[in-house]
C-alpha cells in the first residue's frame, strides 16, 4: 500500500468507466477516496508495526 501514490490513484480513479459505479467521479469524490485510503493505509501500517494481524471484509 505504501507504493500507491495520490497521482497514480487519481489516474486509476479517472479511468473508471463503469455504468454500475454510483459515485460522483469528481474532485470531491476523489478527495474522499484518497483521504479514506490514506487512513486505511496508516491503520495497516500501525498494525504491522505492532506485529498484529488485521481481518476485514469489503462489500
C-alpha atoms as a PDB file:
ATOM      1  CA  UNK A   1       0.000   0.000   0.000  1.00  0.00           C
ATOM      2  CA  UNK A   2       2.927   2.340   0.574  1.00  0.00           C
ATOM      3  CA  UNK A   3       3.673   2.287  -3.151  1.00  0.00           C
ATOM      4  CA  UNK A   4       0.286   3.778  -4.025  1.00  0.00           C
ATOM      5  CA  UNK A   5       0.708   7.495  -4.596  1.00  0.00           C
ATOM      6  CA  UNK A   6      -2.003  10.113  -4.980  1.00  0.00           C
ATOM      7  CA  UNK A   7      -1.240  10.771  -8.671  1.00  0.00           C
ATOM      8  CA  UNK A   8      -1.350   7.048  -9.505  1.00  0.00           C
ATOM      9  CA  UNK A   9      -4.656   6.586  -7.693  1.00  0.00           C
ATOM     10  CA  UNK A  10      -6.074   9.678  -9.398  1.00  0.00           C
ATOM     11  CA  UNK A  11      -5.233   8.257 -12.836  1.00  0.00           C
ATOM     12  CA  UNK A  12      -6.956   4.990 -11.907  1.00  0.00           C
ATOM     13  CA  UNK A  13      -9.928   6.890 -10.452  1.00  0.00           C
ATOM     14  CA  UNK A  14     -10.269   8.994 -13.612  1.00  0.00           C
ATOM     15  CA  UNK A  15     -10.211   5.809 -15.715  1.00  0.00           C
ATOM     16  CA  UNK A  16     -13.369   4.415 -14.072  1.00  0.00           C
ATOM     17  CA  UNK A  17     -15.779   3.632 -16.904  1.00  0.00           C
ATOM     18  CA  UNK A  18     -18.417   1.531 -15.184  1.00  0.00           C
ATOM     19  CA  UNK A  19     -22.120   2.254 -15.525  1.00  0.00           C
ATOM     20  CA  UNK A  20     -22.634   0.488 -12.192  1.00  0.00           C
ATOM     21  CA  UNK A  21     -20.443   2.955 -10.286  1.00  0.00           C
ATOM     22  CA  UNK A  22     -22.683   5.336  -8.377  1.00  0.00           C
ATOM     23  CA  UNK A  23     -20.065   7.776  -7.147  1.00  0.00           C
ATOM     24  CA  UNK A  24     -19.757  11.317  -8.447  1.00  0.00           C
ATOM     25  CA  UNK A  25     -16.351  10.846 -10.152  1.00  0.00           C
ATOM     26  CA  UNK A  26     -15.464  14.453  -9.400  1.00  0.00           C
ATOM     27  CA  UNK A  27     -12.725  16.152  -7.385  1.00  0.00           C
ATOM     28  CA  UNK A  28     -14.696  15.922  -4.136  1.00  0.00           C
ATOM     29  CA  UNK A  29     -15.303  12.183  -4.594  1.00  0.00           C
ATOM     30  CA  UNK A  30     -11.628  11.609  -5.329  1.00  0.00           C
ATOM     31  CA  UNK A  31     -10.622  13.617  -2.243  1.00  0.00           C
ATOM     32  CA  UNK A  32     -12.963  11.441  -0.163  1.00  0.00           C
ATOM     33  CA  UNK A  33     -11.486   8.288  -1.734  1.00  0.00           C
ATOM     34  CA  UNK A  34      -7.880   9.404  -1.199  1.00  0.00           C
ATOM     35  CA  UNK A  35      -8.438  10.533   2.379  1.00  0.00           C
ATOM     36  CA  UNK A  36     -10.036   7.236   3.329  1.00  0.00           C
ATOM     37  CA  UNK A  37      -7.352   5.229   1.532  1.00  0.00           C
ATOM     38  CA  UNK A  38      -4.659   7.159   3.407  1.00  0.00           C
ATOM     39  CA  UNK A  39      -6.420   6.447   6.714  1.00  0.00           C
ATOM     40  CA  UNK A  40      -6.679   2.719   5.962  1.00  0.00           C
ATOM     41  CA  UNK A  41      -3.052   2.609   4.871  1.00  0.00           C
ATOM     42  CA  UNK A  42      -1.996   4.237   8.149  1.00  0.00           C
ATOM     43  CA  UNK A  43      -4.133   1.776  10.110  1.00  0.00           C
ATOM     44  CA  UNK A  44      -2.440  -1.186   8.396  1.00  0.00           C
ATOM     45  CA  UNK A  45       0.994   0.366   8.973  1.00  0.00           C
ATOM     46  CA  UNK A  46       0.313   0.691  12.703  1.00  0.00           C
ATOM     47  CA  UNK A  47      -0.945  -2.883  12.853  1.00  0.00           C
ATOM     48  CA  UNK A  48       2.143  -4.151  11.026  1.00  0.00           C
ATOM     49  CA  UNK A  49       4.479  -2.152  13.262  1.00  0.00           C
ATOM     50  CA  UNK A  50       2.800  -3.726  16.296  1.00  0.00           C
ATOM     51  CA  UNK A  51       3.030  -7.228  14.801  1.00  0.00           C
ATOM     52  CA  UNK A  52      -0.747  -7.513  14.667  1.00  0.00           C
ATOM     53  CA  UNK A  53      -2.959  -9.175  12.095  1.00  0.00           C
ATOM     54  CA  UNK A  54      -5.941  -7.435  10.524  1.00  0.00           C
ATOM     55  CA  UNK A  55      -9.091  -9.181   9.332  1.00  0.00           C
ATOM     56  CA  UNK A  56     -11.676  -7.296   7.297  1.00  0.00           C
ATOM     57  CA  UNK A  57     -14.474  -7.718   4.807  1.00  0.00           C
ATOM     58  CA  UNK A  58     -15.262  -5.487   1.871  1.00  0.00           C
ATOM     59  CA  UNK A  59     -18.685  -5.297   0.340  1.00  0.00           C
END
